[in-house]
Amino acid sequence: MRRSPLSKDVFADARVVAEFEGGRVLAAERGGKFYLIQDESSLADLLSEEDLNDLRNALVKVCEFNSPGERDAFSQARGWATEVRRRGC
């Protein structure tokens, strides 16, 4: 796993694998690489402008993996699902 400089906005096909208060984790693929996007930007509304400037890069992390298995193992180790969660009505 390595931190990617890509923005979460380049992953139009990202799918939610975990949701929690304050954020969510998404999985995506691009250019033969596999990604997990940890998005805690929903917390931004609670922060002052000064705090937000200090934490902007920490609120969304894009992690790159060489294989889906490597990504899934990382996800499972953190207690996140590896399959898209289905929501009821």
PDB file of N, CA and C in Angstrom:
ATOM      1  N   MET A   1       0.842  -1.171   0.000  1.00  0.00           N
ATOM      2  CA  MET A   1       0.000   0.000   0.000  1.00  0.00           C
ATOM      3  C   MET A   1       0.885   1.230   0.000  1.00  0.00           C
ATOM      4  N   ARG A   2       0.458   2.204  -0.763  1.00  0.00           N
ATOM      5  CA  ARG A   2       1.126   3.501  -0.753  1.00  0.00           C
ATOM      6  C   ARG A   2       0.077   4.594  -0.915  1.00  0.00           C
ATOM      7  N   ARG A   3       0.367   5.731  -0.378  1.00  0.00           N
ATOM      8  CA  ARG A   3      -0.525   6.881  -0.489  1.00  0.00           C
ATOM      9  C   ARG A   3      -0.454   7.418  -1.911  1.00  0.00           C
ATOM     10  N   SER A   4      -1.582   7.678  -2.514  1.00  0.00           N
ATOM     11  CA  SER A   4      -1.651   8.161  -3.892  1.00  0.00           C
ATOM     12  C   SER A   4      -1.912   9.662  -3.903  1.00  0.00           C
ATOM     13  N   PRO A   5      -1.333  10.375  -4.856  1.00  0.00           N
ATOM     14  CA  PRO A   5      -1.606  11.805  -4.981  1.00  0.00           C
ATOM     15  C   PRO A   5      -2.920  12.089  -5.699  1.00  0.00           C
ATOM     16  N   LEU A   6      -3.603  11.049  -6.193  1.00  0.00           N
ATOM     17  CA  LEU A   6      -4.856  11.248  -6.919  1.00  0.00           C
ATOM     18  C   LEU A   6      -5.940  11.798  -5.996  1.00  0.00           C
ATOM     19  N   SER A   7      -6.828  12.570  -6.569  1.00  0.00           N
ATOM     20  CA  SER A   7      -7.973  13.115  -5.848  1.00  0.00           C
ATOM     21  C   SER A   7      -9.121  12.115  -5.902  1.00  0.00           C
ATOM     22  N   LYS A   8      -9.972  12.132  -4.902  1.00  0.00           N
ATOM     23  CA  LYS A   8     -11.137  11.237  -4.915  1.00  0.00           C
ATOM     24  C   LYS A   8     -12.049  11.538  -6.096  1.00  0.00           C
ATOM     25  N   ASP A   9     -11.956  12.735  -6.644  1.00  0.00           N
ATOM     26  CA  ASP A   9     -12.830  13.150  -7.741  1.00  0.00           C
ATOM     27  C   ASP A   9     -12.547  12.418  -9.056  1.00  0.00           C
ATOM     28  N   VAL A  10     -11.405  11.768  -9.203  1.00  0.00           N
ATOM     29  CA  VAL A  10     -11.091  11.056 -10.453  1.00  0.00           C
ATOM     30  C   VAL A  10     -11.689   9.654 -10.486  1.00  0.00           C
ATOM     31  N   PHE A  11     -12.352   9.252  -9.418  1.00  0.00           N
ATOM     32  CA  PHE A  11     -12.921   7.912  -9.320  1.00  0.00           C
ATOM     33  C   PHE A  11     -14.439   7.963  -9.419  1.00  0.00           C
ATOM     34  N   ALA A  12     -14.942   8.165 -10.627  1.00  0.00           N
ATOM     35  CA  ALA A  12     -16.391   8.264 -10.833  1.00  0.00           C
ATOM     36  C   ALA A  12     -17.108   6.958 -10.504  1.00  0.00           C
ATOM     37  N   ASP A  13     -16.403   5.827 -10.604  1.00  0.00           N
ATOM     38  CA  ASP A  13     -17.025   4.526 -10.383  1.00  0.00           C
ATOM     39  C   ASP A  13     -16.788   3.968  -8.982  1.00  0.00           C
ATOM     40  N   ALA A  14     -16.308   4.789  -8.062  1.00  0.00           N
ATOM     41  CA  ALA A  14     -16.021   4.317  -6.701  1.00  0.00           C
ATOM     42  C   ALA A  14     -17.298   3.821  -6.041  1.00  0.00           C
ATOM     43  N   ARG A  15     -17.155   2.740  -5.260  1.00  0.00           N
ATOM     44  CA  ARG A  15     -18.310   2.166  -4.577  1.00  0.00           C
ATOM     45  C   ARG A  15     -18.045   2.127  -3.070  1.00  0.00           C
ATOM     46  N   VAL A  16     -19.080   2.355  -2.327  1.00  0.00           N
ATOM     47  CA  VAL A  16     -18.983   2.399  -0.873  1.00  0.00           C
ATOM     48  C   VAL A  16     -18.787   0.988  -0.332  1.00  0.00           C
ATOM     49  N   VAL A  17     -17.778   0.813   0.528  1.00  0.00           N
ATOM     50  CA  VAL A  17     -17.573  -0.475   1.185  1.00  0.00           C
ATOM     51  C   VAL A  17     -17.790  -0.380   2.692  1.00  0.00           C
ATOM     52  N   ALA A  18     -17.761   0.833   3.226  1.00  0.00           N
ATOM     53  CA  ALA A  18     -18.031   1.024   4.652  1.00  0.00           C
ATOM     54  C   ALA A  18     -18.480   2.464   4.878  1.00  0.00           C
ATOM     55  N   GLU A  19     -19.412   2.619   5.791  1.00  0.00           N
ATOM     56  CA  GLU A  19     -19.861   3.953   6.193  1.00  0.00           C
ATOM     57  C   GLU A  19     -19.831   4.034   7.703  1.00  0.00           C
ATOM     58  N   PHE A  20     -19.510   5.190   8.199  1.00  0.00           N
ATOM     59  CA  PHE A  20     -19.459   5.419   9.628  1.00  0.00           C
ATOM     60  C   PHE A  20     -19.734   6.885   9.877  1.00  0.00           C
ATOM     61  N   GLU A  21     -20.006   7.222  11.121  1.00  0.00           N
ATOM     62  CA  GLU A  21     -20.278   8.611  11.447  1.00  0.00           C
ATOM     63  C   GLU A  21     -19.064   9.452  11.084  1.00  0.00           C
ATOM     64  N   GLY A  22     -19.281  10.425  10.231  1.00  0.00           N
ATOM     65  CA  GLY A  22     -18.199  11.309   9.828  1.00  0.00           C
ATOM     66  C   GLY A  22     -17.525  10.948   8.530  1.00  0.00           C
ATOM     67  N   GLY A  23     -17.892   9.813   7.934  1.00  0.00           N
ATOM     68  CA  GLY A  23     -17.234   9.490   6.682  1.00  0.00           C
ATOM     69  C   GLY A  23     -17.608   8.152   6.105  1.00  0.00           C
ATOM     70  N   ARG A  24     -16.804   7.768   5.121  1.00  0.00           N
ATOM     71  CA  ARG A  24     -17.021   6.486   4.451  1.00  0.00           C
ATOM     72  C   ARG A  24     -15.735   6.051   3.773  1.00  0.00           C
ATOM     73  N   VAL A  25     -15.717   4.784   3.382  1.00  0.00           N
ATOM     74  CA  VAL A  25     -14.588   4.210   2.659  1.00  0.00           C
ATOM     75  C   VAL A  25     -15.133   3.706   1.331  1.00  0.00           C
ATOM     76  N   LEU A  26     -14.420   4.039   0.264  1.00  0.00           N
ATOM     77  CA  LEU A  26     -14.827   3.634  -1.070  1.00  0.00           C
ATOM     78  C   LEU A  26     -13.723   2.804  -1.715  1.00  0.00           C
ATOM     79  N   ALA A  27     -14.114   1.906  -2.612  1.00  0.00           N
ATOM     80  CA  ALA A  27     -13.163   1.114  -3.386  1.00  0.00           C
ATOM     81  C   ALA A  27     -13.306   1.509  -4.848  1.00  0.00           C
ATOM     82  N   ALA A  28     -12.174   1.507  -5.565  1.00  0.00           N
ATOM     83  CA  ALA A  28     -12.192   1.867  -6.983  1.00  0.00           C
ATOM     84  C   ALA A  28     -11.009   1.224  -7.692  1.00  0.00           C
ATOM     85  N   GLU A  29     -11.091   1.221  -9.008  1.00  0.00           N
ATOM     86  CA  GLU A  29     -10.006   0.737  -9.857  1.00  0.00           C
ATOM     87  C   GLU A  29      -9.720   1.811 -10.900  1.00  0.00           C
ATOM     88  N   ARG A  30      -8.445   1.877 -11.298  1.00  0.00           N
ATOM     89  CA  ARG A  30      -8.059   2.839 -12.340  1.00  0.00           C
ATOM     90  C   ARG A  30      -6.680   2.455 -12.858  1.00  0.00           C
ATOM     91  N   GLY A  31      -6.557   2.329 -14.169  1.00  0.00           N
ATOM     92  CA  GLY A  31      -5.269   2.070 -14.783  1.00  0.00           C
ATOM     93  C   GLY A  31      -4.557   0.832 -14.263  1.00  0.00           C
ATOM     94  N   GLY A  32      -5.304  -0.218 -13.956  1.00  0.00           N
ATOM     95  CA  GLY A  32      -4.696  -1.455 -13.483  1.00  0.00           C
ATOM     96  C   GLY A  32      -4.276  -1.431 -12.020  1.00  0.00           C
ATOM     97  N   LYS A  33      -4.604  -0.393 -11.305  1.00  0.00           N
ATOM     98  CA  LYS A  33      -4.322  -0.291  -9.874  1.00  0.00           C
ATOM     99  C   LYS A  33      -5.648  -0.313  -9.120  1.00  0.00           C
ATOM    100  N   PHE A  34      -5.559  -0.597  -7.833  1.00  0.00           N
ATOM    101  CA  PHE A  34      -6.746  -0.747  -6.994  1.00  0.00           C
ATOM    102  C   PHE A  34      -6.634   0.232  -5.833  1.00  0.00           C
ATOM    103  N   TYR A  35      -7.742   0.855  -5.468  1.00  0.00           N
ATOM    104  CA  TYR A  35      -7.706   1.956  -4.516  1.00  0.00           C
ATOM    105  C   TYR A  35      -8.746   1.806  -3.411  1.00  0.00           C
ATOM    106  N   LEU A  36      -8.401   2.322  -2.241  1.00  0.00           N
ATOM    107  CA  LEU A  36      -9.351   2.583  -1.166  1.00  0.00           C
ATOM    108  C   LEU A  36      -9.278   4.081  -0.894  1.00  0.00           C
ATOM    109  N   ILE A  37     -10.441   4.684  -0.789  1.00  0.00           N
ATOM    110  CA  ILE A  37     -10.526   6.119  -0.531  1.00  0.00           C
ATOM    111  C   ILE A  37     -11.185   6.297   0.825  1.00  0.00           C
ATOM    112  N   GLN A  38     -10.427   6.813   1.782  1.00  0.00           N
ATOM    113  CA  GLN A  38     -10.951   7.096   3.112  1.00  0.00           C
ATOM    114  C   GLN A  38     -11.398   8.559   3.103  1.00  0.00           C
ATOM    115  N   ASP A  39     -12.700   8.769   3.128  1.00  0.00           N
ATOM    116  CA  ASP A  39     -13.263  10.113   3.002  1.00  0.00           C
ATOM    117  C   ASP A  39     -13.947  10.513   4.304  1.00  0.00           C
ATOM    118  N   GLU A  40     -13.289  11.370   5.062  1.00  0.00           N
ATOM    119  CA  GLU A  40     -13.851  11.895   6.300  1.00  0.00           C
ATOM    120  C   GLU A  40     -14.179  13.383   6.152  1.00  0.00           C
ATOM    121  N   SER A  41     -14.405  13.808   4.907  1.00  0.00           N
ATOM    122  CA  SER A  41     -14.638  15.226   4.636  1.00  0.00           C
ATOM    123  C   SER A  41     -15.975  15.722   5.160  1.00  0.00           C
ATOM    124  N   SER A  42     -16.885  14.824   5.510  1.00  0.00           N
ATOM    125  CA  SER A  42     -18.151  15.286   6.078  1.00  0.00           C
ATOM    126  C   SER A  42     -17.923  15.975   7.421  1.00  0.00           C
ATOM    127  N   LEU A  43     -16.776  15.718   8.039  1.00  0.00           N
ATOM    128  CA  LEU A  43     -16.424  16.398   9.287  1.00  0.00           C
ATOM    129  C   LEU A  43     -16.032  17.862   9.069  1.00  0.00           C
ATOM    130  N   ALA A  44     -15.781  18.227   7.829  1.00  0.00           N
ATOM    131  CA  ALA A  44     -15.309  19.576   7.523  1.00  0.00           C
ATOM    132  C   ALA A  44     -16.288  20.643   7.996  1.00  0.00           C
ATOM    133  N   ASP A  45     -17.575  20.333   7.988  1.00  0.00           N
ATOM    134  CA  ASP A  45     -18.578  21.303   8.429  1.00  0.00           C
ATOM    135  C   ASP A  45     -18.426  21.661   9.904  1.00  0.00           C
ATOM    136  N   LEU A  46     -17.800  20.793  10.675  1.00  0.00           N
ATOM    137  CA  LEU A  46     -17.642  21.017  12.104  1.00  0.00           C
ATOM    138  C   LEU A  46     -16.372  21.792  12.455  1.00  0.00           C
ATOM    139  N   LEU A  47     -15.510  22.010  11.463  1.00  0.00           N
ATOM    140  CA  LEU A  47     -14.211  22.628  11.723  1.00  0.00           C
ATOM    141  C   LEU A  47     -14.201  24.107  11.388  1.00  0.00           C
ATOM    142  N   SER A  48     -13.369  24.833  12.113  1.00  0.00           N
ATOM    143  CA  SER A  48     -13.163  26.237  11.775  1.00  0.00           C
ATOM    144  C   SER A  48     -12.330  26.300  10.498  1.00  0.00           C
ATOM    145  N   GLU A  49     -12.313  27.435   9.843  1.00  0.00           N
ATOM    146  CA  GLU A  49     -11.530  27.598   8.615  1.00  0.00           C
ATOM    147  C   GLU A  49     -10.046  27.337   8.870  1.00  0.00           C
ATOM    148  N   GLU A  50      -9.555  27.784  10.001  1.00  0.00           N
ATOM    149  CA  GLU A  50      -8.144  27.560  10.344  1.00  0.00           C
ATOM    150  C   GLU A  50      -7.847  26.070  10.510  1.00  0.00           C
ATOM    151  N   ASP A  51      -8.708  25.378  11.251  1.00  0.00           N
ATOM    152  CA  ASP A  51      -8.526  23.939  11.439  1.00  0.00           C
ATOM    153  C   ASP A  51      -8.654  23.194  10.115  1.00  0.00           C
ATOM    154  N   LEU A  52      -9.595  23.633   9.289  1.00  0.00           N
ATOM    155  CA  LEU A  52      -9.815  22.990   8.001  1.00  0.00           C
ATOM    156  C   LEU A  52      -8.577  23.107   7.118  1.00  0.00           C
ATOM    157  N   ASN A  53      -7.940  24.257   7.106  1.00  0.00           N
ATOM    158  CA  ASN A  53      -6.720  24.438   6.322  1.00  0.00           C
ATOM    159  C   ASN A  53      -5.617  23.511   6.800  1.00  0.00           C
ATOM    160  N   ASP A  54      -5.521  23.300   8.101  1.00  0.00           N
ATOM    161  CA  ASP A  54      -4.501  22.423   8.668  1.00  0.00           C
ATOM    162  C   ASP A  54      -4.763  20.949   8.354  1.00  0.00           C
ATOM    163  N   LEU A  55      -6.031  20.576   8.244  1.00  0.00           N
ATOM    164  CA  LEU A  55      -6.394  19.161   8.104  1.00  0.00           C
ATOM    165  C   LEU A  55      -6.880  18.754   6.720  1.00  0.00           C
ATOM    166  N   ARG A  56      -6.922  19.667   5.791  1.00  0.00           N
ATOM    167  CA  ARG A  56      -7.520  19.395   4.479  1.00  0.00           C
ATOM    168  C   ARG A  56      -6.991  18.094   3.847  1.00  0.00           C
ATOM    169  N   ASN A  57      -5.698  17.887   3.856  1.00  0.00           N
ATOM    170  CA  ASN A  57      -5.124  16.679   3.251  1.00  0.00           C
ATOM    171  C   ASN A  57      -5.371  15.429   4.078  1.00  0.00           C
ATOM    172  N   ALA A  58      -5.657  15.583   5.344  1.00  0.00           N
ATOM    173  CA  ALA A  58      -5.884  14.424   6.207  1.00  0.00           C
ATOM    174  C   ALA A  58      -7.319  13.911   6.126  1.00  0.00           C
ATOM    175  N   LEU A  59      -8.245  14.711   5.621  1.00  0.00           N
ATOM    176  CA  LEU A  59      -9.650  14.318   5.607  1.00  0.00           C
ATOM    177  C   LEU A  59      -9.985  13.315   4.504  1.00  0.00           C
ATOM    178  N   VAL A  60      -9.226  13.331   3.424  1.00  0.00           N
ATOM    179  CA  VAL A  60      -9.426  12.376   2.339  1.00  0.00           C
ATOM    180  C   VAL A  60      -8.078  11.749   2.009  1.00  0.00           C
ATOM    181  N   LYS A  61      -8.014  10.431   2.166  1.00  0.00           N
ATOM    182  CA  LYS A  61      -6.776   9.696   1.870  1.00  0.00           C
ATOM    183  C   LYS A  61      -7.072   8.693   0.762  1.00  0.00           C
ATOM    184  N   VAL A  62      -6.241   8.697  -0.257  1.00  0.00           N
ATOM    185  CA  VAL A  62      -6.367   7.738  -1.346  1.00  0.00           C
ATOM    186  C   VAL A  62      -5.183   6.785  -1.253  1.00  0.00           C
ATOM    187  N   CYS A  63      -5.478   5.510  -1.033  1.00  0.00           N
ATOM    188  CA  CYS A  63      -4.445   4.489  -0.885  1.00  0.00           C
ATOM    189  C   CYS A  63      -4.456   3.595  -2.120  1.00  0.00           C
ATOM    190  N   GLU A  64      -3.276   3.346  -2.698  1.00  0.00           N
ATOM    191  CA  GLU A  64      -3.136   2.553  -3.916  1.00  0.00           C
ATOM    192  C   GLU A  64      -2.562   1.178  -3.603  1.00  0.00           C
ATOM    193  N   PHE A  65      -3.109   0.163  -4.278  1.00  0.00           N
ATOM    194  CA  PHE A  65      -2.688  -1.226  -4.094  1.00  0.00           C
ATOM    195  C   PHE A  65      -2.405  -1.856  -5.451  1.00  0.00           C
ATOM    196  N   ASN A  66      -1.552  -2.861  -5.479  1.00  0.00           N
ATOM    197  CA  ASN A  66      -1.202  -3.540  -6.724  1.00  0.00           C
ATOM    198  C   ASN A  66      -2.210  -4.595  -7.147  1.00  0.00           C
ATOM    199  N   SER A  67      -3.011  -5.076  -6.208  1.00  0.00           N
ATOM    200  CA  SER A  67      -3.977  -6.128  -6.530  1.00  0.00           C
ATOM    201  C   SER A  67      -5.234  -5.952  -5.688  1.00  0.00           C
ATOM    202  N   PRO A  68      -6.344  -6.529  -6.153  1.00  0.00           N
ATOM    203  CA  PRO A  68      -7.552  -6.463  -5.334  1.00  0.00           C
ATOM    204  C   PRO A  68      -7.385  -7.234  -4.025  1.00  0.00           C
ATOM    205  N   GLY A  69      -6.591  -8.308  -4.038  1.00  0.00           N
ATOM    206  CA  GLY A  69      -6.352  -9.073  -2.813  1.00  0.00           C
ATOM    207  C   GLY A  69      -5.616  -8.262  -1.769  1.00  0.00           C
ATOM    208  N   GLU A  70      -4.623  -7.498  -2.207  1.00  0.00           N
ATOM    209  CA  GLU A  70      -3.878  -6.630  -1.287  1.00  0.00           C
ATOM    210  C   GLU A  70      -4.806  -5.573  -0.693  1.00  0.00           C
ATOM    211  N   ARG A  71      -5.664  -4.998  -1.554  1.00  0.00           N
ATOM    212  CA  ARG A  71      -6.625  -3.995  -1.090  1.00  0.00           C
ATOM    213  C   ARG A  71      -7.613  -4.609  -0.105  1.00  0.00           C
ATOM    214  N   ASP A  72      -8.116  -5.816  -0.423  1.00  0.00           N
ATOM    215  CA  ASP A  72      -9.104  -6.461   0.444  1.00  0.00           C
ATOM    216  C   ASP A  72      -8.507  -6.831   1.800  1.00  0.00           C
ATOM    217  N   ALA A  73      -7.265  -7.295   1.803  1.00  0.00           N
ATOM    218  CA  ALA A  73      -6.610  -7.638   3.070  1.00  0.00           C
ATOM    219  C   ALA A  73      -6.442  -6.407   3.941  1.00  0.00           C
ATOM    220  N   PHE A  74      -6.060  -5.290   3.354  1.00  0.00           N
ATOM    221  CA  PHE A  74      -5.927  -4.025   4.081  1.00  0.00           C
ATOM    222  C   PHE A  74      -7.279  -3.612   4.660  1.00  0.00           C
ATOM    223  N   SER A  75      -8.311  -3.705   3.826  1.00  0.00           N
ATOM    224  CA  SER A  75      -9.663  -3.337   4.240  1.00  0.00           C
ATOM    225  C   SER A  75     -10.169  -4.230   5.374  1.00  0.00           C
ATOM    226  N   GLN A  76      -9.981  -5.533   5.232  1.00  0.00           N
ATOM    227  CA  GLN A  76     -10.442  -6.472   6.257  1.00  0.00           C
ATOM    228  C   GLN A  76      -9.701  -6.273   7.574  1.00  0.00           C
ATOM    229  N   ALA A  77      -8.422  -5.953   7.516  1.00  0.00           N
ATOM    230  CA  ALA A  77      -7.642  -5.740   8.734  1.00  0.00           C
ATOM    231  C   ALA A  77      -8.179  -4.555   9.531  1.00  0.00           C
ATOM    232  N   ARG A  78      -8.858  -3.641   8.859  1.00  0.00           N
ATOM    233  CA  ARG A  78      -9.427  -2.477   9.526  1.00  0.00           C
ATOM    234  C   ARG A  78     -10.906  -2.642   9.836  1.00  0.00           C
ATOM    235  N   GLY A  79     -11.450  -3.799   9.515  1.00  0.00           N
ATOM    236  CA  GLY A  79     -12.851  -4.077   9.814  1.00  0.00           C
ATOM    237  C   GLY A  79     -13.824  -3.505   8.806  1.00  0.00           C
ATOM    238  N   TRP A  80     -13.327  -3.137   7.627  1.00  0.00           N
ATOM    239  CA  TRP A  80     -14.195  -2.631   6.570  1.00  0.00           C
ATOM    240  C   TRP A  80     -14.599  -3.776   5.671  1.00  0.00           C
ATOM    241  N   ALA A  81     -15.773  -3.671   5.095  1.00  0.00           N
ATOM    242  CA  ALA A  81     -16.245  -4.684   4.151  1.00  0.00           C
ATOM    243  C   ALA A  81     -15.412  -4.611   2.877  1.00  0.00           C
ATOM    244  N   THR A  82     -15.387  -5.695   2.128  1.00  0.00           N
ATOM    245  CA  THR A  82     -14.710  -5.687   0.840  1.00  0.00           C
ATOM    246  C   THR A  82     -15.710  -5.723  -0.307  1.00  0.00           C
ATOM    247  N   GLU A  83     -16.954  -6.002  -0.004  1.00  0.00           N
ATOM    248  CA  GLU A  83     -17.999  -5.985  -1.007  1.00  0.00           C
ATOM    249  C   GLU A  83     -18.882  -4.765  -0.779  1.00  0.00           C
ATOM    250  N   VAL A  84     -19.527  -4.326  -1.821  1.00  0.00           N
ATOM    251  CA  VAL A  84     -20.440  -3.188  -1.706  1.00  0.00           C
ATOM    252  C   VAL A  84     -21.566  -3.577  -0.757  1.00  0.00           C
ATOM    253  N   ARG A  85     -21.827  -2.709   0.195  1.00  0.00           N
ATOM    254  CA  ARG A  85     -22.937  -2.979   1.120  1.00  0.00           C
ATOM    255  C   ARG A  85     -24.256  -2.624   0.445  1.00  0.00           C
ATOM    256  N   ARG A  86     -25.183  -3.512   0.559  1.00  0.00           N
ATOM    257  CA  ARG A  86     -26.508  -3.294  -0.024  1.00  0.00           C
ATOM    258  C   ARG A  86     -27.383  -2.652   1.048  1.00  0.00           C
ATOM    259  N   ARG A  87     -28.113  -1.636   0.641  1.00  0.00           N
ATOM    260  CA  ARG A  87     -29.006  -0.958   1.587  1.00  0.00           C
ATOM    261  C   ARG A  87     -30.444  -1.329   1.281  1.00  0.00           C
ATOM    262  N   GLY A  88     -31.220  -1.499   2.331  1.00  0.00           N
ATOM    263  CA  GLY A  88     -32.638  -1.746   2.159  1.00  0.00           C
ATOM    264  C   GLY A  88     -33.372  -0.440   1.942  1.00  0.00           C
ATOM    265  N   CYS A  89     -34.685  -0.551   1.719  1.00  0.00           N
ATOM    266  CA  CYS A  89     -35.504   0.641   1.494  1.00  0.00           C
ATOM    267  C   CYS A  89     -35.634   1.480   2.738  1.00  0.00           C
TER     268      CYS A  89
END
